[in-house]
Amino acid sequence: MTYGFRSANRNMDSEKTAIKTFIHIFGHNPETALEWDTVRAIAYSGSDR
């Protein structure tokens, strides 16, 4: 995440789900660049809830 993970092919549905997961874990909306990198990492990591 140091370099700002960027997927070549974005999946907006995965990112929407990742935002909800981020809010559930951290209790607030992502605001900083690091937090948005975390959202993308959640979205594209293949993790499952």
N, C-alpha and C. Protein backbone atom coordinates (compact mmCIF):
# COMPACT_ATOMS: atom_id res chain seq x y z
N MET A 1 0.82 -1.19 0.00
CA MET A 1 0.00 0.00 0.00
C MET A 1 0.87 1.26 0.00
N THR A 2 2.13 1.08 0.25
CA THR A 2 3.04 2.21 0.24
C THR A 2 3.02 2.93 -1.09
N TYR A 3 2.85 2.17 -2.17
CA TYR A 3 2.90 2.75 -3.51
C TYR A 3 1.54 3.08 -4.08
N GLY A 4 0.48 2.84 -3.36
CA GLY A 4 -0.86 3.17 -3.84
C GLY A 4 -1.36 2.16 -4.85
N PHE A 5 -1.82 1.01 -4.38
CA PHE A 5 -2.31 -0.07 -5.23
C PHE A 5 -3.37 0.44 -6.20
N ARG A 6 -3.19 0.16 -7.48
CA ARG A 6 -4.17 0.53 -8.50
C ARG A 6 -4.40 -0.66 -9.42
N SER A 7 -5.63 -1.09 -9.53
CA SER A 7 -5.97 -2.18 -10.43
C SER A 7 -6.21 -1.63 -11.82
N ALA A 8 -5.71 -2.33 -12.83
CA ALA A 8 -5.92 -1.90 -14.21
C ALA A 8 -7.39 -1.99 -14.60
N ASN A 9 -8.05 -3.02 -14.11
CA ASN A 9 -9.47 -3.23 -14.40
C ASN A 9 -10.26 -3.06 -13.11
N ARG A 10 -10.93 -1.92 -12.97
CA ARG A 10 -11.68 -1.65 -11.74
C ARG A 10 -13.02 -2.34 -11.77
N ASN A 11 -13.42 -2.85 -10.62
CA ASN A 11 -14.72 -3.47 -10.45
C ASN A 11 -15.47 -2.67 -9.39
N MET A 12 -16.38 -1.84 -9.85
CA MET A 12 -17.07 -0.93 -8.95
C MET A 12 -17.91 -1.67 -7.91
N ASP A 13 -18.47 -2.82 -8.26
CA ASP A 13 -19.25 -3.58 -7.28
C ASP A 13 -18.34 -4.07 -6.15
N SER A 14 -17.14 -4.54 -6.50
CA SER A 14 -16.19 -4.99 -5.47
C SER A 14 -15.77 -3.82 -4.59
N GLU A 15 -15.56 -2.66 -5.20
CA GLU A 15 -15.15 -1.49 -4.43
C GLU A 15 -16.27 -1.02 -3.50
N LYS A 16 -17.51 -1.08 -3.94
CA LYS A 16 -18.64 -0.70 -3.08
C LYS A 16 -18.72 -1.63 -1.86
N THR A 17 -18.56 -2.92 -2.12
CA THR A 17 -18.57 -3.89 -1.03
C THR A 17 -17.40 -3.65 -0.08
N ALA A 18 -16.24 -3.33 -0.64
CA ALA A 18 -15.05 -3.08 0.17
C ALA A 18 -15.22 -1.85 1.06
N ILE A 19 -15.91 -0.84 0.56
CA ILE A 19 -16.17 0.36 1.37
C ILE A 19 -17.03 -0.02 2.56
N LYS A 20 -18.06 -0.83 2.33
CA LYS A 20 -18.92 -1.28 3.44
C LYS A 20 -18.11 -2.09 4.46
N THR A 21 -17.22 -2.94 3.97
CA THR A 21 -16.36 -3.73 4.85
C THR A 21 -15.44 -2.83 5.66
N PHE A 22 -14.85 -1.83 4.99
CA PHE A 22 -13.97 -0.88 5.67
C PHE A 22 -14.72 -0.19 6.80
N ILE A 23 -15.92 0.29 6.51
CA ILE A 23 -16.73 0.98 7.52
C ILE A 23 -17.05 0.05 8.68
N HIS A 24 -17.36 -1.20 8.38
CA HIS A 24 -17.66 -2.18 9.43
C HIS A 24 -16.45 -2.40 10.34
N ILE A 25 -15.27 -2.49 9.75
CA ILE A 25 -14.06 -2.76 10.52
C ILE A 25 -13.59 -1.54 11.29
N PHE A 26 -13.52 -0.38 10.61
CA PHE A 26 -12.90 0.80 11.21
C PHE A 26 -13.89 1.81 11.80
N GLY A 27 -15.18 1.68 11.48
CA GLY A 27 -16.19 2.52 12.09
C GLY A 27 -16.32 3.91 11.50
N HIS A 28 -15.72 4.14 10.34
CA HIS A 28 -15.88 5.44 9.67
C HIS A 28 -15.61 5.28 8.18
N ASN A 29 -16.01 6.28 7.40
CA ASN A 29 -15.76 6.26 5.96
C ASN A 29 -14.27 6.46 5.68
N PRO A 30 -13.77 5.87 4.61
CA PRO A 30 -12.37 6.11 4.24
C PRO A 30 -12.19 7.57 3.82
N GLU A 31 -11.11 8.20 4.31
CA GLU A 31 -10.88 9.61 4.02
C GLU A 31 -9.49 9.87 3.45
N THR A 32 -8.49 9.25 4.03
CA THR A 32 -7.11 9.53 3.61
C THR A 32 -6.71 8.62 2.44
N ALA A 33 -5.60 8.95 1.82
CA ALA A 33 -5.09 8.12 0.72
C ALA A 33 -4.80 6.70 1.20
N LEU A 34 -4.25 6.57 2.39
CA LEU A 34 -3.96 5.25 2.94
C LEU A 34 -5.25 4.45 3.15
N GLU A 35 -6.29 5.13 3.63
CA GLU A 35 -7.56 4.44 3.84
C GLU A 35 -8.17 3.99 2.52
N TRP A 36 -8.07 4.81 1.47
CA TRP A 36 -8.58 4.41 0.17
C TRP A 36 -7.74 3.28 -0.43
N ASP A 37 -6.44 3.28 -0.16
CA ASP A 37 -5.60 2.16 -0.58
C ASP A 37 -6.03 0.88 0.14
N THR A 38 -6.42 1.01 1.40
CA THR A 38 -6.92 -0.13 2.16
C THR A 38 -8.21 -0.66 1.56
N VAL A 39 -9.10 0.24 1.16
CA VAL A 39 -10.35 -0.17 0.50
C VAL A 39 -10.04 -0.97 -0.76
N ARG A 40 -9.13 -0.47 -1.58
CA ARG A 40 -8.78 -1.18 -2.82
C ARG A 40 -8.12 -2.52 -2.52
N ALA A 41 -7.31 -2.57 -1.48
CA ALA A 41 -6.68 -3.84 -1.09
C ALA A 41 -7.76 -4.85 -0.69
N ILE A 42 -8.76 -4.40 0.05
CA ILE A 42 -9.86 -5.28 0.43
C ILE A 42 -10.61 -5.75 -0.82
N ALA A 43 -10.88 -4.82 -1.72
CA ALA A 43 -11.67 -5.12 -2.91
C ALA A 43 -11.00 -6.15 -3.82
N TYR A 44 -9.69 -6.06 -3.98
CA TYR A 44 -9.00 -6.88 -4.96
C TYR A 44 -8.14 -7.98 -4.37
N SER A 45 -8.26 -8.20 -3.06
CA SER A 45 -7.43 -9.22 -2.41
C SER A 45 -8.03 -10.63 -2.56
N GLY A 46 -9.28 -10.69 -2.90
CA GLY A 46 -9.94 -11.99 -3.00
C GLY A 46 -10.49 -12.46 -1.66
N SER A 47 -10.44 -11.58 -0.65
CA SER A 47 -10.96 -11.95 0.66
C SER A 47 -12.49 -12.08 0.58
N ASP A 48 -13.03 -12.81 1.52
CA ASP A 48 -14.46 -13.09 1.54
C ASP A 48 -14.98 -12.92 2.96
N ARG A 49 -16.17 -12.38 3.06
CA ARG A 49 -16.81 -12.21 4.37
C ARG A 49 -17.88 -13.21 4.58
